[in-house]
Structures are given as C-alpha cells and as structure tokens.
Protein backbone atom coordinates (compact mmCIF):
# COMPACT_ATOMS: atom_id res chain seq x y z
CA MET A 1 49.80 -105.59 164.56
CA GLU A 2 53.37 -106.75 165.35
CA VAL A 3 55.99 -104.49 163.74
CA ASP A 4 59.20 -105.99 162.34
CA LYS A 5 61.74 -103.44 163.50
CA SER A 6 64.70 -105.42 162.14
CA ILE A 7 64.18 -103.89 158.71
CA TRP A 8 64.43 -100.32 160.05
CA PHE A 9 67.52 -98.22 160.62
CA CYS A 10 68.11 -94.89 162.28
CA ASN A 11 68.01 -92.08 159.71
CA LEU A 12 70.77 -90.20 161.61
CA CYS A 13 73.39 -92.83 162.52
CA GLN A 14 72.28 -95.52 160.09
CA GLY A 15 72.33 -98.05 162.95
CA ARG A 16 69.75 -100.85 163.17
CA SER A 17 69.60 -101.27 166.94
CA ASN A 18 67.11 -99.63 169.29
CA VAL A 19 65.16 -97.87 166.53
CA GLU A 20 62.22 -96.96 168.75
CA TRP A 21 61.01 -93.53 167.59
CA LYS A 22 59.77 -91.51 164.65
CA CYS A 23 59.77 -87.72 164.45
CA LEU A 24 56.67 -86.72 162.50
CA SER A 25 57.95 -83.16 162.10
CA CYS A 26 61.24 -84.34 160.52
CA GLN A 27 59.85 -87.61 159.10
CA LEU A 28 62.91 -89.41 160.57
CA LEU A 29 63.28 -92.76 162.30
CA LEU A 30 65.45 -92.45 165.44
CA CYS A 31 67.32 -94.74 167.75
CA ASN A 32 67.36 -94.01 171.47
CA THR A 33 70.86 -92.50 171.33
CA CYS A 34 70.23 -90.12 168.40
CA LYS A 35 66.86 -89.06 169.84
CA SER A 36 68.54 -88.00 173.10
CA ASN A 37 71.89 -86.70 171.87
CA VAL A 38 71.39 -85.47 168.31
CA HIS A 39 67.76 -84.73 167.53
CA SER A 40 67.32 -82.84 170.78
CA LYS A 41 69.77 -80.23 169.45
CA PHE A 42 67.68 -79.50 166.33
CA LYS A 43 66.16 -76.04 166.07
CA LEU A 44 62.77 -75.96 167.80
CA ALA A 45 63.19 -79.65 168.64
CA ASP A 46 60.96 -79.26 171.69
CA THR A 47 58.03 -78.43 169.36
CA HIS A 48 58.50 -81.55 167.23
CA ILE A 49 56.07 -84.45 167.49
CA ILE A 50 57.74 -87.80 168.24
CA ILE A 51 55.82 -91.08 168.43
CA ASP A 52 56.71 -94.66 169.28
CA VAL A 53 57.39 -96.74 166.18
CA LYS A 54 54.64 -99.18 167.20
CA ASP A 55 52.13 -96.38 166.49
CA ILE A 56 53.24 -95.94 162.88
CA GLY A 57 50.34 -96.47 160.49
CA THR A 58 47.72 -96.19 163.23
CA SER A 59 45.18 -93.53 164.10
CA ILE A 60 47.67 -92.14 166.61
CA GLU A 61 50.06 -91.20 163.81
CA ASP A 62 47.18 -89.82 161.75
CA SER A 63 46.06 -87.62 164.65
CA TYR A 64 49.48 -85.95 164.76
CA THR A 65 49.87 -85.53 161.02
CA GLU A 66 50.23 -81.85 160.29
CA ILE A 67 47.56 -80.32 158.09
CA GLU A 68 48.90 -78.62 154.97
CA TYR A 69 47.02 -75.61 153.68
CA GLY A 70 49.44 -74.67 150.91
CA LYS A 71 50.52 -71.40 149.34
CA CYS A 72 48.17 -68.68 148.18
CA ASN A 73 47.20 -68.95 144.49
CA LEU A 74 47.51 -65.17 144.00
CA HIS A 75 50.50 -64.45 146.26
CA LYS A 76 52.85 -67.37 145.74
CA ASN A 77 55.16 -66.58 148.66
CA LYS A 78 52.34 -66.28 151.20
CA GLU A 79 50.81 -69.09 153.28
CA THR A 80 47.03 -69.40 153.32
CA CYS A 81 45.59 -68.83 156.77
CA LEU A 82 41.83 -68.25 156.36
CA TYR A 83 38.88 -69.56 154.33
CA CYS A 84 36.52 -67.15 152.58
CA ARG A 85 32.95 -68.52 152.56
CA ASP A 86 31.80 -65.93 150.01
CA CYS A 87 34.48 -66.94 147.50
CA SER A 88 34.77 -70.60 148.61
CA ARG A 89 38.59 -70.60 148.65
CA LEU A 90 41.62 -70.38 150.93
CA VAL A 91 43.20 -66.90 151.24
CA CYS A 92 46.30 -65.30 152.75
CA LEU A 93 46.48 -62.14 154.85
CA LYS A 94 47.31 -60.04 151.81
CA CYS A 95 44.20 -61.35 150.02
CA VAL A 96 42.13 -60.33 153.04
CA SER A 97 43.46 -56.78 153.03
CA GLU A 98 42.97 -56.41 149.29
CA THR A 99 39.68 -58.16 148.53
CA HIS A 100 37.98 -60.01 151.38
CA GLN A 101 37.58 -57.44 154.14
CA GLN A 102 33.76 -57.54 154.01
CA HIS A 103 33.54 -61.29 153.40
CA VAL A 104 32.81 -64.08 155.87
CA LEU A 105 36.16 -65.53 156.89
CA ILE A 106 36.72 -68.60 159.06
CA ASP A 107 39.73 -70.36 160.51
CA THR A 108 41.45 -72.90 158.26
CA ASP A 109 41.30 -75.58 160.97
CA ARG A 110 37.53 -75.17 161.13
CA ILE A 111 37.04 -75.50 157.37
CA TYR A 112 39.36 -78.49 157.39
CA THR A 113 37.21 -80.18 160.05
CA GLU A 114 34.03 -79.42 158.08
CA LYS A 115 35.36 -80.69 154.75
CA GLU A 116 37.11 -83.67 156.30
CA SER A 117 33.75 -84.65 157.84
CA GLN A 118 32.04 -84.26 154.47
CA VAL A 119 34.68 -86.42 152.79
CA SER A 120 34.35 -89.05 155.53
CA ASN A 121 30.60 -89.13 154.98
CA LEU A 122 31.10 -89.41 151.21
CA ILE A 123 33.57 -92.25 151.73
CA GLU A 124 30.97 -94.14 153.77
CA LEU A 125 28.26 -93.44 151.19
CA TYR A 126 30.49 -94.62 148.35
CA LYS A 127 31.41 -97.75 150.32
CA GLN A 128 27.70 -98.44 150.85
CA LYS A 129 27.00 -97.77 147.17
CA ILE A 130 29.80 -100.08 146.04
CA THR A 131 28.54 -102.78 148.41
CA SER A 132 24.98 -102.36 147.15
CA ILE A 133 26.03 -102.47 143.49
CA THR A 134 28.17 -105.55 144.22
CA ASN A 135 25.17 -107.21 145.87
CA ILE A 136 22.88 -106.21 143.00
CA ASN A 137 25.39 -107.51 140.46
CA ASN A 138 25.57 -110.84 142.31
CA ILE A 139 21.76 -111.02 142.37
CA CYS A 140 21.63 -110.17 138.64
CA GLN A 141 24.13 -112.91 137.82
CA LYS A 142 22.11 -115.37 139.87
CA LYS A 143 18.90 -114.32 138.13
CA TYR A 144 20.57 -114.59 134.70
CA GLU A 145 21.55 -118.17 135.53
CA GLU A 146 18.05 -118.92 136.82
CA SER A 147 16.50 -117.54 133.63
CA LYS A 148 18.96 -119.49 131.50
CA GLU A 149 18.06 -122.69 133.34
CA LYS A 150 14.35 -121.96 132.85
CA ILE A 151 14.82 -121.40 129.10
CA ILE A 152 16.78 -124.65 128.74
CA LYS A 153 14.22 -126.55 130.80
CA ARG A 154 11.38 -125.09 128.75
CA LYS A 155 13.18 -126.17 125.58
CA GLU A 156 13.71 -129.68 126.93
CA ASP A 157 10.07 -129.91 128.02
CA LEU A 158 8.89 -128.94 124.54
CA ARG A 159 11.42 -131.26 122.92
CA THR A 160 10.19 -134.15 125.11
CA LEU A 161 6.59 -133.27 124.24
CA LEU A 162 7.36 -133.26 120.51
CA GLU A 163 9.45 -136.45 120.70
CA ASP A 164 6.70 -138.27 122.61
CA HIS A 165 4.10 -137.13 120.09
CA SER A 166 6.24 -138.08 117.08
CA LYS A 167 6.98 -141.52 118.59
CA HIS A 168 3.27 -142.06 119.08
CA LEU A 169 2.56 -141.14 115.43
CA VAL A 170 5.30 -143.50 114.15
CA TYR A 171 4.00 -146.33 116.35
CA GLU A 172 0.45 -145.70 115.12
CA LEU A 173 1.67 -145.72 111.50
CA GLU A 174 3.58 -148.97 111.98
CA GLU A 175 0.56 -150.66 113.59
CA LYS A 176 -1.69 -149.59 110.74
CA SER A 177 0.83 -150.83 108.16
CA LYS A 178 0.78 -154.27 109.83
CA ASN A 179 -2.99 -154.50 109.71
CA THR A 180 -3.44 -153.87 105.97
CA ASP A 181 -5.20 -156.77 103.99
CA LEU A 182 -3.18 -156.25 100.84
CA GLY A 183 -0.85 -159.08 101.80
CA SER A 184 -3.65 -161.63 102.13
CA LYS A 185 -5.21 -160.43 98.88
CA LEU A 186 -1.88 -160.91 97.15
CA ASP A 187 -1.58 -164.46 98.48
CA ASN A 188 -5.12 -165.37 97.34
CA LEU A 189 -4.53 -163.97 93.89
CA SER A 190 -1.21 -165.81 93.58
CA GLU A 191 -2.82 -169.14 94.56
CA THR A 192 -5.61 -168.65 91.99
CA LEU A 193 -3.06 -167.77 89.31
CA ASP A 194 -1.11 -170.98 90.02
CA LEU A 195 -4.34 -173.02 89.78
CA LEU A 196 -5.19 -171.43 86.43
CA LYS A 197 -1.72 -172.21 85.06
CA VAL A 198 -2.04 -175.89 86.07
CA CYS A 199 -5.44 -176.06 84.42
CA GLN A 200 -4.05 -174.58 81.21
CA GLN A 201 -1.15 -177.00 81.08
CA SER A 202 -3.36 -180.05 81.69
CA LYS A 203 -4.92 -179.98 78.15
CA ARG A 204 -8.15 -181.31 79.66
CA VAL A 205 -11.47 -179.86 78.53
CA ASP A 206 -13.42 -181.04 81.58
CA LEU A 207 -10.91 -179.35 83.92
CA LEU A 208 -11.10 -176.16 81.89
CA LEU A 209 -14.91 -176.22 82.09
CA GLU A 210 -14.90 -176.83 85.84
CA THR A 211 -12.25 -174.17 86.52
CA THR A 212 -13.98 -171.46 84.52
CA LYS A 213 -17.19 -172.25 86.39
CA THR A 214 -15.64 -171.89 89.84
CA ILE A 215 -13.19 -169.10 89.12
CA GLN A 216 -14.68 -165.91 87.73
CA ASP A 217 -13.11 -162.55 87.06
CA THR A 218 -15.01 -160.99 89.99
CA ASP A 219 -11.80 -160.76 92.01
CA LEU A 220 -10.25 -158.82 89.15
CA GLN A 221 -13.11 -156.33 89.13
CA GLU A 222 -12.47 -155.38 92.78
CA ASN A 223 -11.03 -151.93 93.33
CA LEU A 224 -7.34 -152.33 94.00
CA ALA A 225 -7.06 -149.01 95.85
CA ALA A 226 -6.15 -149.29 99.55
CA ARG A 227 -6.68 -146.88 102.45
CA ILE A 228 -3.43 -146.05 104.15
CA PRO A 229 -2.59 -143.35 106.70
CA ARG A 230 -0.77 -140.43 105.07
CA PHE A 231 0.93 -137.93 107.35
CA VAL A 232 -0.23 -134.42 106.54
CA MET A 233 2.17 -131.72 107.62
CA GLY A 234 0.48 -129.18 109.86
CA ARG A 235 0.49 -125.51 109.09
CA PRO A 236 3.66 -123.59 109.88
CA LEU A 237 3.82 -123.09 113.65
CA PRO A 238 2.23 -119.72 114.45
CA ARG A 239 4.06 -116.97 116.30
CA LYS A 240 1.67 -117.61 119.16
CA ILE A 241 3.59 -120.82 119.89
CA ILE A 242 6.75 -118.76 120.37
CA LYS A 243 4.89 -116.47 122.76
CA GLU A 244 3.69 -119.49 124.72
CA PHE A 245 7.33 -120.59 125.06
CA GLY A 246 7.97 -117.54 127.26
CA SER A 247 9.43 -114.06 127.05
CA PHE A 248 11.50 -111.58 129.03
CA GLN A 249 9.97 -109.10 131.45
CA GLU A 250 11.87 -106.17 132.89
CA GLU A 251 12.42 -106.57 136.62
CA ASN A 252 13.89 -104.16 139.14
CA VAL A 253 16.81 -105.72 140.99
CA LEU A 254 17.59 -104.09 144.32
CA ASP A 255 20.01 -104.76 147.14
CA HIS A 256 18.31 -107.18 149.55
CA ASN A 257 20.55 -105.90 152.35
CA GLU A 258 19.20 -102.37 152.04
CA GLU A 259 17.43 -101.32 155.23
CA MET A 260 13.63 -101.40 155.06
CA GLU A 261 11.86 -98.12 155.72
CA ILE A 262 8.24 -96.97 155.69
CA LEU A 263 7.90 -93.18 155.91
CA LEU A 264 4.81 -90.94 155.91
CA LYS A 265 4.78 -88.54 152.96
CA SER A 266 1.34 -86.90 153.03
CA THR A 267 -2.22 -87.36 154.29
CA HIS A 268 -5.36 -86.36 152.36
CA SER A 269 -8.87 -86.18 153.79
CA THR A 270 -11.85 -87.47 151.81
CA THR A 271 -15.61 -87.41 152.23
CA LEU A 272 -15.85 -91.15 151.62
CA LYS A 273 -17.05 -93.36 154.46
CA ILE A 274 -14.82 -96.21 153.40
CA ILE A 275 -12.12 -96.77 150.78
CA LYS A 276 -12.44 -100.46 150.03
CA ARG A 277 -9.98 -100.70 147.15
CA ILE A 278 -7.43 -98.51 145.36
CA GLU A 279 -6.36 -99.31 141.78
CA GLU A 280 -3.64 -97.24 140.07
CA ILE A 281 -4.44 -95.88 136.60
CA SER A 282 -1.33 -93.80 135.95
CA ASP A 283 1.31 -91.78 137.78
CA LYS A 284 -1.31 -89.18 138.73
CA LYS A 285 -4.60 -91.08 138.79
CA CYS A 286 -6.19 -94.03 140.53
CA TYR A 287 -9.62 -95.56 141.01
CA VAL A 288 -11.14 -96.09 144.44
CA ILE A 289 -14.38 -97.81 145.42
CA ASP A 290 -16.62 -97.45 148.44
CA ASP A 291 -19.82 -99.34 149.21
CA SER A 292 -21.82 -97.95 146.32
CA SER A 293 -19.65 -96.12 143.77
CA LEU A 294 -16.46 -96.01 141.72
CA TYR A 295 -14.39 -92.81 141.92
CA CYS A 296 -11.41 -91.38 140.08
CA VAL A 297 -8.76 -89.79 142.29
CA GLU A 298 -6.40 -87.33 140.63
CA LEU A 299 -3.24 -85.95 142.19
CA LYS A 300 -3.08 -82.23 141.56
CA LYS A 301 -0.25 -79.79 142.12
CA GLU A 302 1.15 -79.43 145.62
CA GLU A 303 0.11 -83.01 146.39
CA LYS A 304 -3.61 -82.19 146.54
CA PHE A 305 -6.14 -84.91 145.69
CA HIS A 306 -9.26 -84.37 143.61
CA ILE A 307 -11.98 -87.05 143.84
CA GLN A 308 -14.75 -87.40 141.25
CA LYS A 309 -17.48 -90.02 141.08
CA VAL A 310 -17.35 -92.15 137.90
CA VAL A 311 -20.37 -94.44 138.26
CA ASP A 312 -22.70 -95.87 140.88
CA ILE A 313 -21.96 -99.57 141.31
CA LYS A 314 -21.81 -102.06 144.17
CA ALA A 315 -18.39 -103.64 143.64
CA PHE A 316 -16.40 -105.94 145.86
CA ASP A 317 -13.11 -105.53 143.96
CA VAL A 318 -11.81 -104.04 140.72
CA SER A 319 -8.84 -104.60 138.42
CA LEU A 320 -7.65 -102.48 135.50
CA LEU A 321 -7.01 -103.98 132.06
CA LYS A 322 -4.27 -102.73 129.75
CA SER A 323 -6.98 -101.42 127.43
CA GLY A 324 -8.21 -99.09 130.15
CA ASP A 325 -11.35 -101.17 130.74
CA ILE A 326 -12.17 -102.06 134.35
CA LEU A 327 -13.10 -105.55 135.50
CA ILE A 328 -15.53 -105.41 138.40
CA ALA A 329 -16.25 -108.29 140.78
CA MET A 330 -19.83 -107.57 141.80
CA LYS A 331 -20.60 -107.48 145.51
CA THR A 332 -23.98 -109.23 145.58
CA GLU A 333 -24.23 -110.84 142.13
CA GLY A 334 -22.49 -113.85 140.62
CA LYS A 335 -21.00 -111.75 137.84
CA ILE A 336 -17.82 -110.08 136.70
CA MET A 337 -18.68 -107.00 134.66
CA ILE A 338 -16.46 -104.98 132.35
CA LEU A 339 -16.76 -101.19 132.41
CA LYS A 340 -15.66 -99.30 129.28
CA PRO A 341 -14.17 -95.80 129.36
CA SER A 342 -17.47 -94.73 127.76
CA LEU A 343 -19.12 -96.02 131.00
CA LYS A 344 -20.94 -98.77 129.09
CA MET A 345 -21.18 -101.93 131.14
CA LYS A 346 -21.35 -105.50 129.84
CA LEU A 347 -21.03 -109.02 131.22
CA PHE A 348 -17.51 -110.48 131.16
CA HIS A 349 -18.10 -113.73 133.06
CA SER A 350 -20.93 -115.38 134.98
CA CYS A 351 -20.36 -117.63 138.00
CA VAL A 352 -23.80 -118.97 138.87
CA GLY A 353 -24.16 -120.08 142.49
CA PHE A 354 -21.00 -118.21 143.53
CA LEU A 355 -20.05 -114.65 144.39
CA PRO A 356 -16.79 -113.24 142.98
CA ARG A 357 -14.43 -111.71 145.54
CA GLY A 358 -10.81 -110.62 144.96
CA ILE A 359 -9.88 -110.12 141.29
CA HIS A 360 -6.49 -109.55 139.64
CA ILE A 361 -4.86 -109.44 136.17
CA SER A 362 -1.62 -111.43 136.07
CA ASN A 363 1.55 -110.58 134.13
CA ASP A 364 0.62 -113.13 131.46
CA ASP A 365 -2.83 -111.58 130.96
CA LYS A 366 -4.88 -114.09 132.91
CA VAL A 367 -7.88 -113.00 134.97
CA ILE A 368 -7.50 -114.55 138.42
CA PHE A 369 -10.36 -114.25 140.86
CA GLY A 370 -11.68 -115.91 143.99
CA VAL A 371 -15.24 -117.04 144.60
CA ARG A 372 -17.28 -118.26 147.50
CA GLU A 373 -20.60 -120.05 147.49
CA ASP A 374 -23.61 -117.76 147.44
CA GLY A 375 -25.35 -118.09 150.79
CA ASN A 376 -25.07 -117.70 154.55
CA LEU A 377 -21.56 -116.87 155.70
CA GLU A 378 -21.97 -118.79 158.93
CA PHE A 379 -20.77 -121.69 156.78
CA LEU A 380 -17.57 -120.62 155.07
CA ARG A 381 -17.25 -123.17 152.34
CA GLY A 382 -17.00 -123.40 148.59
CA GLY A 383 -13.99 -121.11 148.17
CA GLN A 384 -12.20 -121.44 144.83
CA ILE A 385 -9.54 -119.72 142.74
CA ARG A 386 -10.53 -119.48 139.08
CA ILE A 387 -8.44 -118.58 136.04
CA LEU A 388 -9.96 -116.97 132.92
CA ASP A 389 -8.51 -115.88 129.61
CA MET A 390 -9.06 -112.37 128.29
CA ASN A 391 -12.31 -113.44 126.63
CA GLY A 392 -13.80 -114.53 129.95
CA LYS A 393 -13.41 -118.26 129.16
CA GLU A 394 -12.56 -120.43 132.14
CA GLU A 395 -9.15 -122.14 131.89
CA ASN A 396 -8.65 -123.59 135.35
CA VAL A 397 -10.15 -123.95 138.83
CA PHE A 398 -8.13 -124.53 142.00
CA GLU A 399 -10.23 -125.87 144.87
CA TYR A 400 -8.39 -128.65 146.71
CA ASP A 401 -4.72 -129.25 147.52
CA LYS A 402 -2.83 -132.53 147.03
CA ASP A 403 -4.12 -133.77 150.41
CA GLY A 404 -7.74 -133.12 149.49
CA GLN A 405 -8.03 -130.07 151.74
CA ARG A 406 -9.81 -126.96 150.50
CA ILE A 407 -7.25 -124.35 149.44
CA VAL A 408 -9.26 -121.25 150.43
CA SER A 409 -12.45 -120.45 152.31
CA LEU A 410 -13.09 -116.83 151.41
CA PRO A 411 -10.49 -115.40 148.98
CA MET A 412 -10.72 -111.65 149.61
CA LYS A 413 -7.71 -110.36 147.69
CA ILE A 414 -5.25 -111.76 145.12
CA LYS A 415 -1.93 -110.45 143.81
CA THR A 416 0.76 -112.23 141.79
CA SER A 417 4.55 -112.33 141.92
CA SER A 418 6.85 -111.84 138.92
CA ASP A 419 6.47 -115.59 138.22
CA ASP A 420 2.65 -115.30 138.42
CA ASP A 421 2.45 -117.24 141.67
CA MET A 422 -0.37 -115.97 143.90
CA PHE A 423 -0.49 -114.22 147.28
CA ILE A 424 -4.09 -114.68 148.51
CA ILE A 425 -5.84 -113.09 151.48
CA ASP A 426 -8.13 -115.84 152.77
CA ARG A 427 -10.70 -115.07 155.47
CA ILE A 428 -11.25 -118.10 157.71
CA SER A 429 -13.60 -116.51 160.26
CA LYS A 430 -15.29 -113.21 160.95
CA LEU A 431 -12.25 -111.84 162.76
CA GLU A 432 -9.35 -113.83 161.40
CA GLY A 433 -7.54 -114.30 158.10
CA ARG A 434 -4.40 -115.77 156.63
CA ILE A 435 -2.13 -115.51 153.57
CA VAL A 436 -2.05 -118.48 151.19
CA PHE A 437 0.76 -118.69 148.62
CA LEU A 438 -0.45 -120.66 145.61
CA THR A 439 1.79 -121.47 142.65
CA LYS A 440 0.43 -120.90 139.16
CA SER A 441 0.14 -124.68 138.80
CA GLY A 442 -2.18 -124.81 141.83
CA ASN A 443 0.14 -126.06 144.57
CA VAL A 444 0.07 -124.52 148.06
CA SER A 445 3.66 -123.54 148.96
CA TRP A 446 2.96 -122.07 152.39
CA VAL A 447 0.31 -120.47 154.62
CA TYR A 448 1.00 -117.50 156.91
CA LYS A 449 -1.33 -117.02 159.91
CA GLY A 450 -0.01 -113.80 161.42
CA ASP A 451 2.63 -112.53 163.84
CA LYS A 452 2.39 -114.60 167.02
CA THR A 453 3.50 -111.59 169.09
CA ALA A 454 0.57 -109.44 167.85
CA LYS A 455 -2.08 -108.33 170.35
CA TYR A 456 -5.07 -109.22 168.16
CA LEU A 457 -5.94 -111.91 165.64
CA PHE A 458 -4.43 -111.46 162.18
CA GLN A 459 -6.95 -109.56 160.04
CA PRO A 460 -5.39 -108.86 156.62
CA SER A 461 -7.49 -106.47 154.56
CA ASP A 462 -5.35 -105.79 151.47
CA LEU A 463 -1.95 -106.50 149.98
CA VAL A 464 0.44 -105.38 147.23
CA VAL A 465 3.51 -107.11 145.80
CA THR A 466 6.73 -105.14 145.29
CA SER A 467 9.37 -105.51 142.57
CA ARG A 468 11.32 -107.76 144.94
CA ASP A 469 8.34 -110.13 145.17
CA ASN A 470 7.75 -109.09 148.76
CA ALA A 471 4.14 -108.67 149.90
CA ILE A 472 3.10 -105.64 151.95
CA ILE A 473 -0.04 -106.56 153.89
CA SER A 474 -2.31 -104.22 155.85
CA ASP A 475 -3.37 -105.76 159.18
CA LEU A 476 -6.41 -103.72 160.21
CA ALA A 477 -6.93 -105.14 163.72
CA ASN A 478 -3.30 -104.65 164.76
CA GLN A 479 -2.90 -101.36 162.81
CA ALA A 480 0.25 -102.64 161.14
CA PHE A 481 2.03 -103.36 157.87
CA LEU A 482 3.51 -106.83 157.54
CA ILE A 483 6.17 -107.53 154.91
CA LEU A 484 6.49 -111.15 153.78
CA ASN A 485 8.87 -112.55 151.19
CA SER A 486 7.84 -115.16 148.62
CA ASN A 487 8.98 -117.92 151.01
CA GLY A 488 6.49 -116.85 153.67
CA GLN A 489 9.13 -115.33 155.95
CA LEU A 490 8.13 -112.26 157.96
CA LEU A 491 10.70 -109.56 157.12
CA LYS A 492 9.18 -106.69 159.07
CA ASN A 493 6.17 -105.78 161.21
CA HIS A 494 5.69 -102.01 161.17
CA ARG A 495 2.91 -100.34 163.16
CA SER A 496 1.07 -97.63 161.24
CA ILE A 497 0.71 -95.58 164.44
CA ASP A 498 4.50 -95.28 164.55
CA ILE A 499 4.39 -93.78 161.05
CA GLY A 500 1.65 -91.29 161.90
CA PHE A 501 -1.79 -92.72 161.08
CA SER A 502 -4.24 -95.43 162.15
CA PHE A 503 -6.18 -98.35 160.67
CA PRO A 504 -4.55 -99.05 157.28
CA PHE A 505 -7.10 -100.80 155.07
CA SER A 506 -6.72 -100.65 151.27
CA LEU A 507 -3.36 -100.52 149.47
CA SER A 508 -1.96 -99.68 146.04
CA ILE A 509 1.57 -99.27 144.70
CA TYR A 510 1.90 -95.72 143.36
CA LYS A 511 4.51 -94.76 140.74
CA GLY A 512 6.25 -98.04 141.40
CA PHE A 513 7.70 -97.06 144.78
CA ASP A 514 5.23 -95.06 146.89
CA LEU A 515 2.28 -96.67 148.62
CA LEU A 516 -1.25 -95.29 148.71
CA VAL A 517 -3.19 -96.37 151.78
CA GLY A 518 -6.92 -96.01 152.35
CA THR A 519 -7.54 -95.73 156.09
CA HIS A 520 -10.47 -97.02 158.10
CA PHE A 521 -12.01 -96.35 161.48
CA LEU A 522 -14.03 -99.48 162.15
CA ASN A 523 -13.37 -103.19 161.77
CA ILE A 524 -15.80 -103.80 158.95
CA ASP A 525 -16.06 -106.12 156.02
CA ASP A 526 -18.55 -106.34 153.18
CA ASP A 527 -19.11 -110.01 153.79
CA PHE A 528 -19.71 -109.65 157.50
CA THR A 529 -21.01 -106.24 158.62
CA ASP A 530 -22.49 -103.02 157.36
CA ALA A 531 -20.47 -100.08 156.13
CA CYS A 532 -18.90 -97.54 158.42
CA LYS A 533 -21.61 -95.09 159.47
CA HIS A 534 -19.49 -92.31 160.85
CA LYS A 535 -16.23 -90.52 160.16
CA SER A 536 -14.56 -90.32 156.76
CA SER A 537 -11.53 -92.11 155.43
CA ASN A 538 -8.16 -90.67 154.46
CA ILE A 539 -5.79 -91.47 151.63
CA VAL A 540 -2.26 -91.64 152.98
CA ARG A 541 0.81 -91.57 150.77
CA ILE A 542 3.89 -93.26 152.21
CA THR A 543 7.36 -93.97 150.88
CA VAL A 544 8.73 -97.49 151.12
CA LYS A 545 12.44 -98.26 150.81
CA GLY A 546 14.30 -101.54 150.71
CA ILE A 547 11.07 -103.52 150.29
C-alpha cells in the first residue's frame, strides 16, 4: 500500500523532508539527517530496531515489536522473567527463590509463543463462527420470507376458493329466482280479476251466468306456498380447517458452507445374516429387520449394542408411528400390517394384486408406500406410489407423469423432505437403480442415475434425509455414500472403505445427527436373490457433519 509521507514529520527536528525511518525502540519517526547525526548518539542506539517507514503497519513491524511481560504482581519493582506452569502465572526471580523453586518454570518467550498460537487459533475459530452465524442468519431470513410468502399464497388460494364457491351459489340463486312461476300465476290471476270486474259492471244476467260457469274458485283453492332456495349457514368451521391451512414445524438451520464430513465412530458385530432396514425408536433404541424377524436393538453403556428378537415376520420394510405402533410392508403378501406394542397384529391396508415395498410416514401423518405388481420380476411393471391416511384409507395414487411415462418401476425405499416431497429409490433392473424426486402433488422434479465416474452401476439400497433436506444414499455396489441435495445435485461421493468399513446397506438417522449403518457382504435383494448365506452383518455408527 502506498504511504503518504507528506503528512509525516521528523520527531527530532520537526522537519517534513526525507522522513524515511522509524525507531521501534524509541517510537520516533526520523529523517535521514537525524538518524545519522542525532539518534546514533542515543544510549545503546546500536541495539535499537529501526525500520523503513514503508514497513509501518505491516508484518515486518509486528515481527520487531517488543514483547511486554510487565511487572511482578507481588514484587512491584521487579520484572517478570519466567512462567510457572504449576501456578499458571508470570513470576520474577524473587518469586522463584521464595515460592517456586520446585515448580515447573519455562521461559517467558516460550509461553508467549504458546499463548499467542492459542489466541491465533481462537481468532480463526471465532471468525469461522461469526461467518457461520452470519450465513445461518441469512438463511433464516430467507426461510422466514419463504414461509411468509407460502402463508400469504395459502390465504389467497383459500380466498379464491371461497370467492369462487360463493359466486357459484349467488349465480345459482339468481337463476332459480328467475325460473319461479309466481310471476305467471300473478298475471293469470290479475287477468281473471279484470274479467270479473267487467262482468260485474255490465249488469247483464246472461254474462254473469256464463262467467260463473267458466270461472270457478279452483284457482283460489290452490296452495299459494312456493318453493324457493334458502341459504342455510353451515356449522362453524371446525379447528380441523385451521390445521389443514398449515402449521409451523421446527427446522434445524445450518451453515451450508460448513465442510461435509463422515467419520467412523464405532462398529458393532451382530449374529444377523442381513440387516435389511433400521428404524429409530428413541435415542437409545431402534428396530432392525432381517429376512424373517423383527429385532429391537438397544444401545447400552460404553456403546455396546444389545439385540433382542421381537417377533417372527417376513417384512420388506417397516415404519414407526407416533403411537409406537409399527407399520409393516409384508414381503410376499399384498398387505400392510400394523403391529401393536402388545405384539398383536392386525390388517392396516390391503393392496390386492400388488406387493407393498418401501413404506414411510410423512411429516403431515400420511402413509406413503410403493407397490409393484405381484408376479414375475422379469417384467418390472406396475410400480406405483400410494398415499393413505392414518386409518388406512387411500387418498391418492401416483403412477404416470405428465408425459404419460410410468413414474417408478420398483419403489424400494421412500423418505420425505421437510416439505413432504419424496426421495424414492427405484430399481430399474436387477443390478441398477435410480433416485426419483416426486413432489407431494405427484410431479417428477428430477431423476438421478448415479455418479458417472463410479466403477459399477448405481445400486442404491437405502437412504435417509437430513435436516438440510439432503439425502444420504448407500450405494452397495460401489461401497459408497452419495449425498444429494433436493435439487438432485451430487454434493459428495464418499467411499465407505475410506471411512473404515465395507458394503453399506441399510441406514437410519440416530439422535438427529449420527448415522447407523447396517453392513452387507453380498449384493442381494429380496426381490431378486436369496438371503446372504454366510458371514454376519455389522451395525456401524458414524458421525456426519455439514450434511
């Protein structure tokens, strides 16, 4: 940076010309003449540190700045010269002779270097923290605005709906009021009345006789009541309508610029041949399923796992309800069963002609599950995504996209984002799969077919969705974790071997930030091959950051 030396003057002669130097020991600016003829005569001048004025304010000046250690707190006239590690304070020589002779003492320059390094590290950490909080605050403000826009749009949608309905009712009322026959009846009666008055005024008997013969009082006997539409006010709008409007859900907002990390925390051996699915129950418990049974896994002290069989059942996938009941997509039957904590089983939903596959409970308490046609898998067809309410009643079916193409072939796993849009693992052949992102209204936003740089075909086996709406996907064939955002962008491809284990298969978010992984040794799938017949699976606990 260019220095404007015109504003400086020599601190000795007060002149403004040739001010080229600064004595750091004296803290004086010097011209060439005073540096050579005056300052050189100062006591111990040859030990003083003099720098060029162009180096003022740079690291060069900082490197020469003398470190101040200060006076001793106990002996005010003594300079501190050592640091006592036992007492964690600076001491003078007198302190050493009186108190610290048996203590660990180090040079003051050394402790300065140590503490200065610590402070430098703290400065960097605080800078990072401030940057992260600034980023998070910006994200929060953006999300607040997005939520505000959604609320206003929802209000306008409902207002439009109500206005359209009220306009229709008014139009219907007006049409019905036009079609009433009271007007014609009134005209007929008025004409008859006029005829009777003429007859009366005529004073003719023959006309009176003829009129009374032709005009009877039958018209007067007719019921004068008319049927008209009367608007009946509906019941007061129930609170359920307000719930349907929408509500707030707590969401973790993290710094998107934070570096992504996947770190191995612990590995636990099991006697299970395969861990097909993992479903978290609480901070210390989860359910797992193999080919024939449901188990409860409990985390004991010292990170030890205890596995206990709950019930024998051939399940393809499971999902936990808020009530503690378990929804089970049956492996070989067209049924979704519900298992009570008492272990009583009952039918929740029947899908005749189809087999249920991946099943999931959304944030708005909808049961989302995939089905395929019951039959030979050589012909992968008939895949659907179905939506049920909590009573097992079907609300919607998504089968074809706007172009008439089938959305999924074999929907193996489903998870939802914070907006209840769906990440779906769709198997398209025996050895290949893809990720389909389906909005809650049934529109396909994007399809991800794997990392083109991978050695093997993309074979997703399970997925979870993080608080940032990123999907972590286990790719069994390539022994990797893929992280996708909700726009279908690949954020990271992390090999499990680099973390310390092989063949990641089933996944579950644990305690909101750790990941439980069920490992596998063979490329198997319920819908294609038999279960693994040798070796047991492990449950691996890993920590994920920035995801």
